[in-house]
Every structure is written in C-alpha cells, then in structure tokens.
Amino acid sequence: MRLVAFDFDGTLSDSEMTVLLGERMDVADRMADITERAMNDELSYAESLRERASLLDGLEAEGAEEAFGQVRLRPGAADLIERLRDAGHHVAILTGGFERGVERALEREGVAVDTIVANRLPIEGGRLTGDVEGPLITGTKDDALESLADDLDVPLSRTIAVGDGANDLPMLEVAGLSVGYLPKDAVRPACDVVVASMYRLGKVLEGYNVVKRE
C-alpha cells in the first residue's frame, strides 16, 4: 500500500473555494489577490487564510452552502481516485481549504477518499463568524502527511504528494514522490515530476507501477 496525498484547490479542483464564497459578499477579487500572494509565498498561508475568512464575516450559512455546492473536481480526478483506491492505496486530501467544499465536490462525483484533513468556517446564529478553525491553519502539510503515514505504518518513502502552491511545499519536500500539478514557480524546484492534467498524472502513476496501465 502507498499513501497518496492530494492538495485540493488548484490540484484536484480548479475551483477556488474562498473566491466562490467571496462572490456572495462581493469580495471575490480581494480573495483572489490574497490567494495568489500566498501561493507565490509572498505571505504566510495562515495570514492569508485568516484575511480571507475575515472577509466572509456575516455571510449566511445558506449562501455558504450554495457556494460549496459549486465546487467541482477536475476532469478525470474522480476516476483517478477510484483507480488508486481499487489498487489498494490510501487516498488522502490535505487542504487548507474547507472540509464542506471538499465533501460536496466528492459527493457530486459519487467518489470517496479515505482521509480528509481540512479547515472549517464556524457558524453562529446562521452566519459565518469571520473566523476559521482546523488543523491546517498554522499546522503544515508535512506534519499531516507524516502523522497519517505513521498511523498507517507506511514509510515516507512510500508516500506520494500532489500539489501546486507554496503551502504544499512542506509535504512535497518530505514525500517519497512529489508531483507538481501546474505548480507555481516557487514550488516547481521541489517536484520530482510536473503534470498539467489528471490524464497525465495517471500516466505518471502507471510508470511508477502505482496503478495498472489502462
């Protein structure tokens, strides 16, 4: 068995959750700017996440749920997840994004993963509070990957990490195989392989005998 850990926003999904949420509060452009600065390592992920969450203060829970319902997996992502799980691997999503958006996207495609490590947006009185909570605000993805590998008794040499942004760097640097999915310039040097589609990622994993050739 291998442990295969995916980032979500920008990797498994081309939807940007905070932008979809921000559209409900007319702050999508500000959200996108903050996200881009974080992905290029111009400010810490924790700072960027808290800034973005604060812009959502007062958003109705119903509106947030509608935004999460717009989150989509990339073409071919669901099929690749199924191939990995059918091959006996443990598939995880490690994201600084939001658990509910990940769940909605997976539900829409009728696919499941083994582990989701994500953050949450607290709700009080039927509205978002502007806060954010969860393990991947100040916590880093290398710690999450190492902890999960330890729980599964899988050596890090048999882990695969797939990501695109600066907050993925920690897990890409410790994984046995690091794959950049359309990675940012600051991320590319840490990648063993770079891909631009789920189809190509599948071919790479076939080459490493992770999944059977189709």
C-alpha atoms as a PDB file:
ATOM      1  CA  MET A   1       0.000   0.000   0.000  1.00  0.00           C
ATOM      2  CA  ARG A   2       1.029   3.575  -0.693  1.00  0.00           C
ATOM      3  CA  LEU A   3      -0.292   6.754   0.862  1.00  0.00           C
ATOM      4  CA  VAL A   4      -1.271   9.254  -1.823  1.00  0.00           C
ATOM      5  CA  ALA A   5      -1.953  12.784  -0.543  1.00  0.00           C
ATOM      6  CA  PHE A   6      -3.570  15.424  -2.725  1.00  0.00           C
ATOM      7  CA  ASP A   7      -3.944  19.127  -2.253  1.00  0.00           C
ATOM      8  CA  PHE A   8      -7.446  20.242  -3.239  1.00  0.00           C
ATOM      9  CA  ASP A   9      -7.804  23.833  -4.507  1.00  0.00           C
ATOM     10  CA  GLY A  10      -5.686  24.181  -7.652  1.00  0.00           C
ATOM     11  CA  THR A  11      -4.917  20.449  -7.734  1.00  0.00           C
ATOM     12  CA  LEU A  12      -7.878  18.062  -7.503  1.00  0.00           C
ATOM     13  CA  SER A  13     -10.177  21.010  -8.164  1.00  0.00           C
ATOM     14  CA  ASP A  14      -9.863  24.088 -10.336  1.00  0.00           C
ATOM     15  CA  SER A  15     -12.483  25.805  -8.183  1.00  0.00           C
ATOM     16  CA  GLU A  16     -11.188  28.274  -5.606  1.00  0.00           C
ATOM     17  CA  MET A  17     -13.461  27.897  -2.601  1.00  0.00           C
ATOM     18  CA  THR A  18     -12.744  31.224  -0.986  1.00  0.00           C
ATOM     19  CA  VAL A  19     -13.430  33.047  -4.257  1.00  0.00           C
ATOM     20  CA  LEU A  20     -16.779  31.245  -4.654  1.00  0.00           C
ATOM     21  CA  LEU A  21     -17.618  32.248  -1.095  1.00  0.00           C
ATOM     22  CA  GLY A  22     -16.301  35.755  -1.667  1.00  0.00           C
ATOM     23  CA  GLU A  23     -18.637  36.269  -4.615  1.00  0.00           C
ATOM     24  CA  ARG A  24     -21.502  36.094  -2.103  1.00  0.00           C
ATOM     25  CA  MET A  25     -20.028  39.096  -0.283  1.00  0.00           C
ATOM     26  CA  ASP A  26     -18.695  40.975  -3.354  1.00  0.00           C
ATOM     27  CA  VAL A  27     -15.101  40.422  -2.214  1.00  0.00           C
ATOM     28  CA  ALA A  28     -14.022  37.789  -4.769  1.00  0.00           C
ATOM     29  CA  ASP A  29     -11.319  39.991  -6.325  1.00  0.00           C
ATOM     30  CA  ARG A  30      -9.779  40.684  -2.922  1.00  0.00           C
ATOM     31  CA  MET A  31      -9.930  36.946  -2.155  1.00  0.00           C
ATOM     32  CA  ALA A  32      -8.167  36.045  -5.405  1.00  0.00           C
ATOM     33  CA  ASP A  33      -5.408  38.592  -4.782  1.00  0.00           C
ATOM     34  CA  ILE A  34      -4.757  37.282  -1.264  1.00  0.00           C
ATOM     35  CA  THR A  35      -4.738  33.678  -2.537  1.00  0.00           C
ATOM     36  CA  GLU A  36      -2.262  34.455  -5.316  1.00  0.00           C
ATOM     37  CA  ARG A  37       0.116  36.188  -2.908  1.00  0.00           C
ATOM     38  CA  ALA A  38       0.009  33.190  -0.582  1.00  0.00           C
ATOM     39  CA  MET A  39       0.521  30.625  -3.356  1.00  0.00           C
ATOM     40  CA  ASN A  40       3.588  32.558  -4.535  1.00  0.00           C
ATOM     41  CA  ASP A  41       4.966  32.547  -0.970  1.00  0.00           C
ATOM     42  CA  GLU A  42       4.606  36.322  -0.542  1.00  0.00           C
ATOM     43  CA  LEU A  43       2.747  35.950   2.772  1.00  0.00           C
ATOM     44  CA  SER A  44       2.156  33.042   5.112  1.00  0.00           C
ATOM     45  CA  TYR A  45      -0.742  30.723   4.438  1.00  0.00           C
ATOM     46  CA  ALA A  46      -2.103  31.283   7.950  1.00  0.00           C
ATOM     47  CA  GLU A  47      -2.157  35.049   7.391  1.00  0.00           C
ATOM     48  CA  SER A  48      -3.828  34.688   4.024  1.00  0.00           C
ATOM     49  CA  LEU A  49      -6.452  32.256   5.289  1.00  0.00           C
ATOM     50  CA  ARG A  50      -7.395  34.443   8.237  1.00  0.00           C
ATOM     51  CA  GLU A  51      -7.580  37.519   5.977  1.00  0.00           C
ATOM     52  CA  ARG A  52      -9.882  35.711   3.559  1.00  0.00           C
ATOM     53  CA  ALA A  53     -12.085  34.270   6.317  1.00  0.00           C
ATOM     54  CA  SER A  54     -12.495  37.715   7.884  1.00  0.00           C
ATOM     55  CA  LEU A  55     -13.952  38.999   4.604  1.00  0.00           C
ATOM     56  CA  LEU A  56     -16.750  36.420   4.963  1.00  0.00           C
ATOM     57  CA  ASP A  57     -17.965  37.707   8.327  1.00  0.00           C
ATOM     58  CA  GLY A  58     -21.772  37.752   8.271  1.00  0.00           C
ATOM     59  CA  LEU A  59     -22.295  35.527   5.217  1.00  0.00           C
ATOM     60  CA  GLU A  60     -25.467  33.490   5.665  1.00  0.00           C
ATOM     61  CA  ALA A  61     -24.875  29.760   6.162  1.00  0.00           C
ATOM     62  CA  GLU A  62     -27.294  29.029   3.308  1.00  0.00           C
ATOM     63  CA  GLY A  63     -25.222  31.170   0.946  1.00  0.00           C
ATOM     64  CA  ALA A  64     -22.036  29.415   2.060  1.00  0.00           C
ATOM     65  CA  GLU A  65     -23.617  26.026   1.398  1.00  0.00           C
ATOM     66  CA  GLU A  66     -24.639  27.169  -2.090  1.00  0.00           C
ATOM     67  CA  ALA A  67     -21.052  28.284  -2.759  1.00  0.00           C
ATOM     68  CA  PHE A  68     -19.675  24.949  -1.571  1.00  0.00           C
ATOM     69  CA  GLY A  69     -22.128  23.277  -3.947  1.00  0.00           C
ATOM     70  CA  GLN A  70     -20.345  24.985  -6.851  1.00  0.00           C
ATOM     71  CA  VAL A  71     -17.010  23.318  -6.080  1.00  0.00           C
ATOM     72  CA  ARG A  72     -16.027  20.817  -8.777  1.00  0.00           C
ATOM     73  CA  LEU A  73     -13.346  18.175  -9.216  1.00  0.00           C
ATOM     74  CA  ARG A  74     -11.132  18.463 -12.269  1.00  0.00           C
ATOM     75  CA  PRO A  75     -11.979  16.227 -15.226  1.00  0.00           C
ATOM     76  CA  GLY A  76     -10.522  12.786 -14.585  1.00  0.00           C
ATOM     77  CA  ALA A  77      -9.923  13.349 -10.865  1.00  0.00           C
ATOM     78  CA  ALA A  78     -12.722  11.090  -9.656  1.00  0.00           C
ATOM     79  CA  ASP A  79     -11.615   8.286 -11.981  1.00  0.00           C
ATOM     80  CA  LEU A  80      -8.014   8.544 -10.773  1.00  0.00           C
ATOM     81  CA  ILE A  81      -9.079   8.468  -7.116  1.00  0.00           C
ATOM     82  CA  GLU A  82     -11.087   5.317  -7.814  1.00  0.00           C
ATOM     83  CA  ARG A  83      -8.148   3.693  -9.614  1.00  0.00           C
ATOM     84  CA  LEU A  84      -5.858   4.429  -6.671  1.00  0.00           C
ATOM     85  CA  ARG A  85      -8.297   3.034  -4.126  1.00  0.00           C
ATOM     86  CA  ASP A  86      -9.031  -0.014  -6.277  1.00  0.00           C
ATOM     87  CA  ALA A  87      -5.272  -0.662  -6.306  1.00  0.00           C
ATOM     88  CA  GLY A  88      -5.330  -0.752  -2.506  1.00  0.00           C
ATOM     89  CA  HIS A  89      -3.789   2.637  -1.781  1.00  0.00           C
ATOM     90  CA  HIS A  90      -4.868   5.052   0.952  1.00  0.00           C
ATOM     91  CA  VAL A  91      -6.023   8.305  -0.657  1.00  0.00           C
ATOM     92  CA  ALA A  92      -5.968  11.485   1.431  1.00  0.00           C
ATOM     93  CA  ILE A  93      -6.861  15.107   0.788  1.00  0.00           C
ATOM     94  CA  LEU A  94      -4.747  17.545   2.784  1.00  0.00           C
ATOM     95  CA  THR A  95      -6.041  21.055   2.229  1.00  0.00           C
ATOM     96  CA  GLY A  96      -6.055  24.442   3.857  1.00  0.00           C
ATOM     97  CA  GLY A  97      -9.426  24.830   2.159  1.00  0.00           C
ATOM     98  CA  PHE A  98     -12.715  23.917   3.699  1.00  0.00           C
ATOM     99  CA  GLU A  99     -13.987  20.465   4.564  1.00  0.00           C
ATOM    100  CA  ARG A 100     -17.544  21.112   3.415  1.00  0.00           C
ATOM    101  CA  GLY A 101     -16.488  22.162  -0.090  1.00  0.00           C
ATOM    102  CA  VAL A 102     -14.347  19.038  -0.460  1.00  0.00           C
ATOM    103  CA  GLU A 103     -17.222  16.846   0.707  1.00  0.00           C
ATOM    104  CA  ARG A 104     -19.692  18.444  -1.709  1.00  0.00           C
ATOM    105  CA  ALA A 105     -17.347  18.028  -4.691  1.00  0.00           C
ATOM    106  CA  LEU A 106     -16.722  14.359  -3.889  1.00  0.00           C
ATOM    107  CA  GLU A 107     -20.429  13.701  -3.312  1.00  0.00           C
ATOM    108  CA  ARG A 108     -21.277  15.246  -6.668  1.00  0.00           C
ATOM    109  CA  GLU A 109     -18.971  12.783  -8.456  1.00  0.00           C
ATOM    110  CA  GLY A 110     -20.015   9.828  -6.305  1.00  0.00           C
ATOM    111  CA  VAL A 111     -16.448   9.185  -5.187  1.00  0.00           C
ATOM    112  CA  ALA A 112     -14.862   8.887  -1.738  1.00  0.00           C
ATOM    113  CA  VAL A 113     -11.395   9.216  -0.257  1.00  0.00           C
ATOM    114  CA  ASP A 114     -10.000   7.586   2.875  1.00  0.00           C
ATOM    115  CA  THR A 115      -8.974  10.714   4.791  1.00  0.00           C
ATOM    116  CA  ILE A 116      -9.790  14.418   4.603  1.00  0.00           C
ATOM    117  CA  VAL A 117      -7.692  16.869   6.612  1.00  0.00           C
ATOM    118  CA  ALA A 118      -9.166  20.344   6.134  1.00  0.00           C
ATOM    119  CA  ASN A 119     -10.269  23.529   7.845  1.00  0.00           C
ATOM    120  CA  ARG A 120     -13.748  24.786   8.752  1.00  0.00           C
ATOM    121  CA  LEU A 121     -15.624  28.084   8.859  1.00  0.00           C
ATOM    122  CA  PRO A 122     -17.514  28.418  12.171  1.00  0.00           C
ATOM    123  CA  ILE A 123     -21.177  29.444  12.110  1.00  0.00           C
ATOM    124  CA  GLU A 124     -23.110  31.280  14.820  1.00  0.00           C
ATOM    125  CA  GLY A 125     -26.698  32.428  14.516  1.00  0.00           C
ATOM    126  CA  GLY A 126     -26.926  31.129  10.957  1.00  0.00           C
ATOM    127  CA  ARG A 127     -23.992  33.225   9.685  1.00  0.00           C
ATOM    128  CA  LEU A 128     -20.245  32.796   9.261  1.00  0.00           C
ATOM    129  CA  THR A 129     -18.311  34.386  12.111  1.00  0.00           C
ATOM    130  CA  GLY A 130     -15.338  35.527  10.021  1.00  0.00           C
ATOM    131  CA  ASP A 131     -13.103  33.086  11.873  1.00  0.00           C
ATOM    132  CA  VAL A 132     -11.511  29.870  10.651  1.00  0.00           C
ATOM    133  CA  GLU A 133     -10.578  26.734  12.576  1.00  0.00           C
ATOM    134  CA  GLY A 134      -8.865  23.464  11.803  1.00  0.00           C
ATOM    135  CA  PRO A 135      -5.558  21.592  11.649  1.00  0.00           C
ATOM    136  CA  LEU A 136      -4.112  23.266   8.547  1.00  0.00           C
ATOM    137  CA  ILE A 137      -4.148  26.930   9.507  1.00  0.00           C
ATOM    138  CA  THR A 138      -0.798  27.101  11.273  1.00  0.00           C
ATOM    139  CA  GLY A 139      -0.210  23.358  11.005  1.00  0.00           C
ATOM    140  CA  THR A 140       1.770  22.264   7.958  1.00  0.00           C
ATOM    141  CA  LYS A 141       1.159  19.523   5.438  1.00  0.00           C
ATOM    142  CA  ASP A 142       4.420  17.718   6.135  1.00  0.00           C
ATOM    143  CA  ASP A 143       3.282  17.164   9.720  1.00  0.00           C
ATOM    144  CA  ALA A 144      -0.120  15.994   8.485  1.00  0.00           C
ATOM    145  CA  LEU A 145       1.467  13.624   5.964  1.00  0.00           C
ATOM    146  CA  GLU A 146       3.968  12.241   8.484  1.00  0.00           C
ATOM    147  CA  SER A 147       1.261  11.741  11.122  1.00  0.00           C
ATOM    148  CA  LEU A 148      -1.014   9.917   8.695  1.00  0.00           C
ATOM    149  CA  ALA A 149       1.858   7.766   7.397  1.00  0.00           C
ATOM    150  CA  ASP A 150       2.746   6.860  10.966  1.00  0.00           C
ATOM    151  CA  ASP A 151      -0.865   5.937  11.754  1.00  0.00           C
ATOM    152  CA  LEU A 152      -0.971   3.701   8.675  1.00  0.00           C
ATOM    153  CA  ASP A 153       2.515   2.278   9.263  1.00  0.00           C
ATOM    154  CA  VAL A 154       3.567   3.439   5.796  1.00  0.00           C
ATOM    155  CA  PRO A 155       7.170   4.689   5.434  1.00  0.00           C
ATOM    156  CA  LEU A 156       7.538   8.177   3.967  1.00  0.00           C
ATOM    157  CA  SER A 157       9.413   6.608   1.057  1.00  0.00           C
ATOM    158  CA  ARG A 158       6.083   5.066   0.021  1.00  0.00           C
ATOM    159  CA  THR A 159       4.140   8.313   0.132  1.00  0.00           C
ATOM    160  CA  ILE A 160       3.137  10.422  -2.845  1.00  0.00           C
ATOM    161  CA  ALA A 161       2.215  14.102  -2.564  1.00  0.00           C
ATOM    162  CA  VAL A 162       0.488  16.102  -5.296  1.00  0.00           C
ATOM    163  CA  GLY A 163       0.155  19.882  -5.020  1.00  0.00           C
ATOM    164  CA  ASP A 164       0.582  23.247  -6.703  1.00  0.00           C
ATOM    165  CA  GLY A 165       1.136  26.058  -4.193  1.00  0.00           C
ATOM    166  CA  ALA A 166       3.579  27.261  -1.556  1.00  0.00           C
ATOM    167  CA  ASN A 167       1.595  25.701   1.285  1.00  0.00           C
ATOM    168  CA  ASP A 168       2.123  22.318  -0.427  1.00  0.00           C
ATOM    169  CA  LEU A 169       5.915  22.678  -0.306  1.00  0.00           C
ATOM    170  CA  PRO A 170       6.336  21.015   3.119  1.00  0.00           C
ATOM    171  CA  MET A 171       4.624  17.778   2.053  1.00  0.00           C
ATOM    172  CA  LEU A 172       6.238  17.809  -1.394  1.00  0.00           C
ATOM    173  CA  GLU A 173       9.658  18.060   0.230  1.00  0.00           C
ATOM    174  CA  VAL A 174       9.177  15.030   2.518  1.00  0.00           C
ATOM    175  CA  ALA A 175       7.143  12.704   0.280  1.00  0.00           C
ATOM    176  CA  GLY A 176       8.738   9.749  -1.441  1.00  0.00           C
ATOM    177  CA  LEU A 177       7.427  11.046  -4.773  1.00  0.00           C
ATOM    178  CA  SER A 178       6.446  14.690  -5.183  1.00  0.00           C
ATOM    179  CA  VAL A 179       4.238  15.709  -8.094  1.00  0.00           C
ATOM    180  CA  GLY A 180       3.552  19.297  -9.063  1.00  0.00           C
ATOM    181  CA  TYR A 181       0.165  19.896 -10.685  1.00  0.00           C
ATOM    182  CA  LEU A 182       0.618  23.081 -12.730  1.00  0.00           C
ATOM    183  CA  PRO A 183       2.890  24.230  -9.880  1.00  0.00           C
ATOM    184  CA  LYS A 184       3.712  27.826  -9.051  1.00  0.00           C
ATOM    185  CA  ASP A 185       7.272  28.917  -9.855  1.00  0.00           C
ATOM    186  CA  ALA A 186       8.293  28.760  -6.185  1.00  0.00           C
ATOM    187  CA  VAL A 187       7.070  25.149  -5.990  1.00  0.00           C
ATOM    188  CA  ARG A 188       8.477  23.644  -9.192  1.00  0.00           C
ATOM    189  CA  PRO A 189      12.041  23.004  -7.854  1.00  0.00           C
ATOM    190  CA  ALA A 190      10.641  20.730  -5.099  1.00  0.00           C
ATOM    191  CA  CYS A 191       8.818  18.483  -7.592  1.00  0.00           C
ATOM    192  CA  ASP A 192      10.121  15.198  -8.934  1.00  0.00           C
ATOM    193  CA  VAL A 193       7.517  15.317 -11.705  1.00  0.00           C
ATOM    194  CA  VAL A 194       5.309  18.074 -13.127  1.00  0.00           C
ATOM    195  CA  VAL A 195       1.939  17.384 -14.792  1.00  0.00           C
ATOM    196  CA  ALA A 196      -0.802  19.509 -16.316  1.00  0.00           C
ATOM    197  CA  SER A 197      -3.779  17.130 -16.355  1.00  0.00           C
ATOM    198  CA  MET A 198      -5.281  14.246 -14.416  1.00  0.00           C
ATOM    199  CA  TYR A 199      -4.753  12.085 -17.501  1.00  0.00           C
ATOM    200  CA  ARG A 200      -1.031  12.830 -17.426  1.00  0.00           C
ATOM    201  CA  LEU A 201      -0.896  12.211 -13.677  1.00  0.00           C
ATOM    202  CA  GLY A 202      -2.466   8.809 -14.273  1.00  0.00           C
ATOM    203  CA  LYS A 203       0.231   8.006 -16.834  1.00  0.00           C
ATOM    204  CA  VAL A 204       2.951   9.065 -14.400  1.00  0.00           C
ATOM    205  CA  LEU A 205       1.490   6.809 -11.701  1.00  0.00           C
ATOM    206  CA  GLU A 206       1.313   3.963 -14.206  1.00  0.00           C
ATOM    207  CA  GLY A 207       5.011   4.496 -14.899  1.00  0.00           C
ATOM    208  CA  TYR A 208       5.783   4.143 -11.187  1.00  0.00           C
ATOM    209  CA  ASN A 209       3.597   1.000 -11.020  1.00  0.00           C
ATOM    210  CA  VAL A 210       1.221   2.701  -8.593  1.00  0.00           C
ATOM    211  CA  VAL A 211      -1.818   1.942 -10.755  1.00  0.00           C
ATOM    212  CA  LYS A 212      -2.299  -0.564 -13.565  1.00  0.00           C
ATOM    213  CA  ARG A 213      -1.905   0.600 -17.146  1.00  0.00           C
ATOM    214  CA  GLU A 214      -5.142   1.269 -18.979  1.00  0.00           C
END
